[in-house]
Amino acid sequence: MRSVAMSQEYDAVLIVSFGGPEGMDDVMPFLDNVLRGRNVPTERKLEVAEHYALFNGVSPINDYNRKLAGQLKTELESRGFGLPIYIGNRNWHPLLPDTIQRMADDGVKRAVAFVTSAFGSYSSCRQYRENIDAAREIVGANAPEIDKIRLFYNHPDFIECNVRKIESALNEFPEDHRQAVAVTFTAHSIPVSMANNCQYADQLAESCRLTAEKLGVTSWNLVYQSRSGSPTQPWLEPDICDELIRLKKFGFQEVIIAPIGFLTDHIEVLFDLDTEAREVCDEQNIKMIRAGTIGDDPLFVSMVADLIRERIDPETTCSYLGELGLTPDQCSPDCCKFEPT
């Protein structure tokens, strides 16, 4: 009976993501969407386009989201509250306004939204909420209500998924070397002015600490990657490539790079880590293993289903670890405010 009540209150799930091109013809229009309203030089945009060209203009994120939607639908149905699942992106098709229009046409009245980011900042949380609101305004009076579920950086299953990927990477080193391997967690850098008005860095540090403690790893650090924008604007540091050089100076010869800030292999993972960071490691004679991203772990899909159930069933127990506590479903009006430049 309870599952019926839940299905009546929420009648759809919306996966909200960044989006990415699916061929070279998509790359420049996609980057125009990403950089709209920002003062980014054309030269920088062309440089990023070259990164996509190395992978035939295809971002893995779209296939990942389609796969996640199918897995999540099966998982929810197995729990007795199957709901239709839609995908809407910020920067590439299917774009949020188009998806929300389709939801309205399908008669959806109220949906729960899962945003593919574990951490809170303007660009990884608030901006998505703004994107949803703007898309609903475009659709008009028939647009469904859409409620975003909470951040999950300290959910025990998120931590366990990261532990599994790093353990798998550790197993690629000889057993007697593993205690000397440096585990370097990475996440997308953001402007310091953005970081000062959110808990992004604190949440990342908490996820890294919880993961390292469960692994029993003592040699770990948190670094950043993929910064963009004006070189005069300070962004979170240290940069992954600078950190690899520093680790070599301190005597580390073996490194695991764990992209904890990414759920799947974005171009930022494939280029910034698998290409640029690997080149630095080769130059420094460092053995580098890049841990996998966690989105293909069945436990992750189960966690997403748990988060959805938390949102639609107020009697469900909320799970979290660590010292920062439970992130609320409803953000405060001033949460993560930022004015992009």
Protein backbone atom coordinates (compact mmCIF):
# COMPACT_ATOMS: atom_id res chain seq x y z
CA MET A 1 0.00 0.00 0.00
CA ARG A 2 2.83 2.39 0.82
CA SER A 3 4.41 2.01 -2.61
CA VAL A 4 1.10 2.97 -4.23
CA ALA A 5 0.90 6.13 -2.11
CA MET A 6 4.45 7.06 -3.07
CA SER A 7 3.76 6.58 -6.78
CA GLN A 8 0.72 8.86 -6.49
CA GLU A 9 2.75 11.69 -4.93
CA TYR A 10 5.65 11.52 -7.39
CA ASP A 11 4.94 10.25 -10.87
CA ALA A 12 8.39 10.50 -12.53
CA VAL A 13 12.14 10.69 -11.99
CA LEU A 14 14.30 13.25 -13.80
CA ILE A 15 18.03 12.66 -14.21
CA VAL A 16 19.69 16.07 -14.59
CA SER A 17 23.19 16.25 -16.01
CA PHE A 18 25.77 18.42 -17.76
CA GLY A 19 25.39 16.87 -21.19
CA GLY A 20 28.05 16.39 -23.82
CA PRO A 21 28.58 16.20 -27.58
CA GLU A 22 28.09 12.96 -29.47
CA GLY A 23 30.19 13.79 -32.54
CA MET A 24 32.50 16.47 -33.93
CA ASP A 25 29.60 18.46 -35.41
CA ASP A 26 28.23 18.85 -31.88
CA VAL A 27 31.42 20.10 -30.22
CA MET A 28 31.39 23.82 -31.00
CA PRO A 29 27.62 24.29 -30.47
CA PHE A 30 27.97 22.38 -27.20
CA LEU A 31 30.85 24.61 -26.06
CA ASP A 32 28.83 27.69 -27.04
CA ASN A 33 26.12 26.47 -24.65
CA VAL A 34 28.62 25.75 -21.87
CA LEU A 35 30.31 29.14 -22.18
CA ARG A 36 27.24 31.30 -22.89
CA GLY A 37 27.44 34.55 -20.92
CA ARG A 38 31.03 33.95 -19.84
CA ASN A 39 34.04 35.96 -20.95
CA VAL A 40 36.11 33.07 -22.27
CA PRO A 41 38.55 33.79 -25.13
CA THR A 42 37.89 32.07 -28.46
CA GLU A 43 41.38 30.58 -28.30
CA ARG A 44 40.49 28.74 -25.09
CA LYS A 45 37.29 27.39 -26.63
CA LEU A 46 39.23 26.08 -29.65
CA GLU A 47 41.77 24.50 -27.30
CA VAL A 48 39.02 22.62 -25.46
CA ALA A 49 37.50 21.57 -28.80
CA GLU A 50 40.82 19.89 -29.61
CA HIS A 51 40.48 17.81 -26.43
CA TYR A 52 37.14 16.51 -27.68
CA ALA A 53 38.62 15.84 -31.11
CA LEU A 54 40.98 13.27 -29.56
CA PHE A 55 37.85 11.23 -28.75
CA ASN A 56 36.02 11.85 -32.05
CA GLY A 57 33.91 14.51 -30.37
CA VAL A 58 32.07 12.01 -28.19
CA SER A 59 31.59 12.52 -24.46
CA PRO A 60 30.92 9.31 -22.48
CA ILE A 61 28.44 11.08 -20.22
CA ASN A 62 25.44 10.64 -22.50
CA ASP A 63 25.73 6.86 -22.81
CA TYR A 64 26.32 6.70 -19.07
CA ASN A 65 23.13 8.60 -18.30
CA ARG A 66 21.08 6.45 -20.65
CA LYS A 67 22.50 3.33 -19.01
CA LEU A 68 21.84 4.76 -15.54
CA ALA A 69 18.23 5.50 -16.48
CA GLY A 70 17.68 1.89 -17.55
CA GLN A 71 19.36 0.43 -14.47
CA LEU A 72 17.53 2.78 -12.13
CA LYS A 73 14.17 1.96 -13.69
CA THR A 74 14.81 -1.75 -13.11
CA GLU A 75 15.97 -1.11 -9.54
CA LEU A 76 12.93 1.01 -8.65
CA GLU A 77 10.55 -1.54 -10.18
CA SER A 78 12.16 -4.29 -8.10
CA ARG A 79 11.32 -2.23 -5.00
CA GLY A 80 7.69 -1.83 -5.95
CA PHE A 81 7.62 1.82 -6.95
CA GLY A 82 8.51 1.91 -10.61
CA LEU A 83 8.34 5.37 -12.16
CA PRO A 84 9.09 6.65 -15.69
CA ILE A 85 12.58 8.13 -15.94
CA TYR A 86 13.52 11.15 -18.05
CA ILE A 87 16.92 12.71 -18.83
CA GLY A 88 17.41 16.47 -19.14
CA ASN A 89 20.75 18.23 -19.67
CA ARG A 90 22.10 21.70 -19.07
CA ASN A 91 24.20 21.98 -22.22
CA TRP A 92 23.25 19.38 -24.83
CA HIS A 93 20.36 17.28 -26.03
CA PRO A 94 18.06 16.27 -24.51
CA LEU A 95 17.99 19.78 -23.07
CA LEU A 96 16.00 20.45 -19.92
CA PRO A 97 13.28 22.62 -21.51
CA ASP A 98 12.60 19.93 -24.14
CA THR A 99 12.53 17.15 -21.56
CA ILE A 100 10.25 19.03 -19.17
CA GLN A 101 7.92 19.82 -22.08
CA ARG A 102 7.80 16.10 -22.87
CA MET A 103 7.07 15.35 -19.22
CA ALA A 104 4.21 17.85 -19.27
CA ASP A 105 2.86 16.33 -22.49
CA ASP A 106 3.01 12.90 -20.82
CA GLY A 107 0.91 14.19 -17.93
CA VAL A 108 3.65 14.24 -15.29
CA LYS A 109 2.61 16.43 -12.36
CA ARG A 110 5.44 16.05 -9.87
CA ALA A 111 8.94 14.60 -10.34
CA VAL A 112 11.96 13.95 -8.17
CA ALA A 113 15.26 15.08 -9.70
CA PHE A 114 18.60 13.33 -9.36
CA VAL A 115 21.51 15.61 -10.31
CA THR A 116 24.69 13.77 -11.27
CA SER A 117 26.94 15.55 -8.78
CA ALA A 118 27.69 14.46 -5.22
CA PHE A 119 28.98 17.86 -4.07
CA GLY A 120 27.47 21.29 -3.50
CA SER A 121 28.57 24.49 -5.26
CA TYR A 122 26.99 27.00 -7.60
CA SER A 123 27.90 25.05 -10.74
CA SER A 124 27.26 21.57 -9.33
CA CYS A 125 24.00 22.21 -7.43
CA ARG A 126 22.43 25.68 -7.37
CA GLN A 127 22.87 26.28 -11.09
CA TYR A 128 21.07 23.01 -11.86
CA ARG A 129 18.17 24.12 -9.67
CA GLU A 130 18.13 27.43 -11.55
CA ASN A 131 18.22 25.52 -14.86
CA ILE A 132 15.21 23.46 -13.78
CA ASP A 133 13.28 26.57 -12.72
CA ALA A 134 14.10 28.35 -15.99
CA ALA A 135 13.03 25.34 -18.03
CA ARG A 136 9.74 25.10 -16.11
CA GLU A 137 9.07 28.77 -16.87
CA ILE A 138 9.62 28.09 -20.57
CA VAL A 139 7.15 25.20 -20.49
CA GLY A 140 4.60 27.25 -18.60
CA ALA A 141 1.64 26.42 -16.41
CA ASN A 142 1.58 22.72 -17.29
CA ALA A 143 5.19 22.16 -16.21
CA PRO A 144 5.50 19.56 -13.45
CA GLU A 145 6.78 20.42 -10.01
CA ILE A 146 10.35 19.13 -9.66
CA ASP A 147 12.10 18.47 -6.33
CA LYS A 148 15.85 17.87 -6.25
CA ILE A 149 17.11 15.16 -3.89
CA ARG A 150 19.92 15.81 -1.46
CA LEU A 151 23.69 15.71 -1.98
CA PHE A 152 25.29 12.34 -1.33
CA TYR A 153 29.03 13.02 -0.84
CA ASN A 154 28.90 11.35 2.61
CA HIS A 155 26.45 8.56 1.85
CA PRO A 156 27.98 5.24 2.98
CA ASP A 157 27.37 3.63 -0.42
CA PHE A 158 29.06 6.52 -2.26
CA ILE A 159 32.08 6.04 -0.02
CA GLU A 160 32.02 2.26 -0.52
CA CYS A 161 31.90 2.65 -4.30
CA ASN A 162 35.02 4.83 -4.18
CA VAL A 163 36.71 2.34 -1.87
CA ARG A 164 36.03 -0.48 -4.35
CA LYS A 165 37.52 1.43 -7.28
CA ILE A 166 40.65 2.42 -5.38
CA GLU A 167 41.10 -1.11 -4.03
CA SER A 168 40.95 -2.38 -7.59
CA ALA A 169 43.64 0.13 -8.58
CA LEU A 170 45.79 -0.81 -5.57
CA ASN A 171 45.64 -4.45 -6.64
CA GLU A 172 47.53 -3.51 -9.81
CA PHE A 173 50.61 -2.79 -7.66
CA PRO A 174 52.73 -5.54 -6.11
CA GLU A 175 51.48 -6.31 -2.60
CA ASP A 176 54.69 -5.17 -0.94
CA HIS A 177 54.43 -1.77 -2.69
CA ARG A 178 50.89 -0.85 -1.74
CA GLN A 179 51.64 0.93 1.52
CA ALA A 180 53.95 3.29 -0.36
CA VAL A 181 51.44 4.25 -3.05
CA ALA A 182 50.16 7.84 -2.86
CA VAL A 183 46.39 8.11 -3.37
CA THR A 184 45.58 11.41 -5.05
CA PHE A 185 41.90 12.34 -5.13
CA THR A 186 40.86 14.78 -7.83
CA ALA A 187 37.83 16.97 -8.47
CA HIS A 188 36.92 19.77 -10.85
CA SER A 189 38.40 23.07 -9.68
CA ILE A 190 36.10 26.05 -9.17
CA PRO A 191 36.83 29.76 -8.64
CA VAL A 192 37.88 30.61 -5.10
CA SER A 193 35.11 33.23 -5.02
CA MET A 194 32.60 30.44 -5.68
CA ALA A 195 34.22 28.11 -3.15
CA ASN A 196 34.03 30.78 -0.45
CA ASN A 197 30.21 30.67 -0.52
CA CYS A 198 29.66 26.92 -0.42
CA GLN A 199 30.91 23.74 1.23
CA TYR A 200 32.36 22.22 -1.94
CA ALA A 201 35.94 21.93 -0.68
CA ASP A 202 34.85 20.77 2.79
CA GLN A 203 32.53 18.13 1.34
CA LEU A 204 35.25 16.86 -0.98
CA ALA A 205 37.73 16.67 1.88
CA GLU A 206 35.18 14.75 3.95
CA SER A 207 34.56 12.23 1.16
CA CYS A 208 38.30 11.75 0.70
CA ARG A 209 38.87 11.31 4.42
CA LEU A 210 36.06 8.79 4.80
CA THR A 211 37.26 6.83 1.79
CA ALA A 212 40.90 6.83 2.89
CA GLU A 213 40.00 5.76 6.42
CA LYS A 214 37.95 2.83 5.16
CA LEU A 215 40.83 1.83 2.89
CA GLY A 216 43.39 2.19 5.67
CA VAL A 217 45.37 4.57 3.45
CA THR A 218 47.50 7.22 5.15
CA SER A 219 49.28 8.76 2.12
CA TRP A 220 46.48 10.65 0.40
CA ASN A 221 45.72 14.18 -0.73
CA LEU A 222 43.01 16.18 -2.51
CA VAL A 223 43.89 18.12 -5.65
CA TYR A 224 41.99 19.82 -8.45
CA GLN A 225 41.86 19.71 -12.22
CA SER A 226 40.20 21.16 -15.31
CA ARG A 227 40.28 24.82 -14.30
CA SER A 228 39.11 27.29 -16.96
CA GLY A 229 38.32 30.98 -17.21
CA SER A 230 40.65 33.94 -16.83
CA PRO A 231 44.18 33.09 -15.65
CA THR A 232 44.02 36.12 -13.34
CA GLN A 233 41.08 34.66 -11.40
CA PRO A 234 42.18 32.39 -8.51
CA TRP A 235 40.78 28.84 -8.57
CA LEU A 236 41.06 26.02 -6.08
CA GLU A 237 44.51 24.43 -6.03
CA PRO A 238 46.81 22.50 -6.12
CA ASP A 239 46.51 21.39 -9.72
CA ILE A 240 46.89 17.67 -10.35
CA CYS A 241 49.91 18.05 -12.64
CA ASP A 242 51.75 20.33 -10.19
CA GLU A 243 50.99 17.88 -7.40
CA LEU A 244 52.43 14.93 -9.32
CA ILE A 245 55.72 16.79 -9.70
CA ARG A 246 55.69 17.59 -5.97
CA LEU A 247 55.03 13.96 -5.06
CA LYS A 248 58.02 12.89 -7.12
CA LYS A 249 60.21 15.39 -5.27
CA PHE A 250 59.06 13.85 -1.98
CA GLY A 251 60.09 10.41 -3.17
CA PHE A 252 56.79 8.89 -4.31
CA GLN A 253 57.22 6.64 -7.32
CA GLU A 254 53.76 5.09 -7.50
CA VAL A 255 50.46 6.99 -7.57
CA ILE A 256 46.75 6.26 -7.82
CA ILE A 257 44.64 9.06 -9.20
CA ALA A 258 41.07 8.71 -7.91
CA PRO A 259 38.58 11.07 -9.65
CA ILE A 260 36.23 11.28 -6.68
CA GLY A 261 34.60 14.44 -8.05
CA PHE A 262 33.33 12.67 -11.19
CA LEU A 263 30.70 9.94 -11.41
CA THR A 264 31.69 8.88 -14.91
CA ASP A 265 34.42 9.38 -17.48
CA HIS A 266 33.82 12.92 -18.69
CA ILE A 267 36.27 14.36 -21.20
CA GLU A 268 37.87 16.04 -18.17
CA VAL A 269 38.77 12.57 -16.93
CA LEU A 270 39.83 11.14 -20.28
CA PHE A 271 41.95 14.14 -21.26
CA ASP A 272 43.05 15.87 -18.06
CA LEU A 273 43.90 12.63 -16.25
CA ASP A 274 44.36 9.83 -18.77
CA THR A 275 46.25 12.09 -21.20
CA GLU A 276 47.82 15.15 -19.52
CA ALA A 277 48.43 13.74 -16.03
CA ARG A 278 49.74 10.48 -17.49
CA GLU A 279 52.20 12.43 -19.63
CA VAL A 280 53.50 14.16 -16.48
CA CYS A 281 53.84 10.79 -14.74
CA ASP A 282 55.75 9.38 -17.71
CA GLU A 283 58.09 12.39 -17.66
CA GLN A 284 58.62 12.00 -13.89
CA ASN A 285 59.00 8.20 -14.11
CA ILE A 286 55.99 7.69 -11.82
CA LYS A 287 53.88 4.57 -12.15
CA MET A 288 50.30 5.86 -12.31
CA ILE A 289 47.05 3.92 -12.09
CA ARG A 290 43.86 5.86 -12.59
CA ALA A 291 41.04 4.46 -10.46
CA GLY A 292 37.76 3.98 -12.27
CA THR A 293 34.81 6.30 -11.83
CA ILE A 294 32.03 4.80 -9.75
CA GLY A 295 28.92 5.19 -11.86
CA ASP A 296 29.02 1.64 -13.23
CA ASP A 297 28.90 0.05 -9.76
CA PRO A 298 25.51 -1.59 -9.07
CA LEU A 299 25.80 -0.31 -5.50
CA PHE A 300 25.72 3.23 -6.88
CA VAL A 301 22.44 2.56 -8.70
CA SER A 302 21.04 1.10 -5.48
CA MET A 303 22.14 4.24 -3.61
CA VAL A 304 20.34 6.49 -6.09
CA ALA A 305 17.19 4.43 -5.56
CA ASP A 306 17.65 4.82 -1.80
CA LEU A 307 17.96 8.60 -2.17
CA ILE A 308 14.80 8.72 -4.25
CA ARG A 309 12.95 6.66 -1.66
CA GLU A 310 14.19 8.99 1.09
CA ARG A 311 12.67 11.90 -0.78
CA ILE A 312 9.31 10.33 -1.53
CA ASP A 313 8.83 8.44 1.72
CA PRO A 314 9.32 10.61 4.84
CA GLU A 315 9.47 7.51 7.05
CA THR A 316 12.66 6.25 5.38
CA THR A 317 15.87 6.45 7.42
CA CYS A 318 18.51 8.75 5.86
CA SER A 319 22.05 7.37 5.72
CA TYR A 320 25.23 9.41 6.02
CA LEU A 321 28.72 9.25 7.51
CA GLY A 322 31.15 11.70 9.03
CA GLU A 323 31.09 15.04 10.76
CA LEU A 324 29.29 17.34 8.32
CA GLY A 325 25.89 15.78 8.90
CA LEU A 326 22.92 15.31 6.62
CA THR A 327 22.52 17.73 3.73
CA PRO A 328 18.92 19.00 3.60
CA ASP A 329 16.68 18.38 0.59
CA GLN A 330 15.69 22.04 0.57
CA CYS A 331 18.55 24.53 0.21
CA SER A 332 18.40 27.96 1.82
CA PRO A 333 17.70 30.92 -0.51
CA ASP A 334 21.31 32.12 -0.30
CA CYS A 335 22.93 28.69 -0.63
CA CYS A 336 25.90 28.61 -3.04
CA LYS A 337 25.18 32.01 -4.59
CA PHE A 338 27.67 33.10 -7.24
CA GLU A 339 27.79 35.59 -10.11
CA PRO A 340 29.69 34.01 -13.04
CA THR A 341 32.06 36.27 -14.99
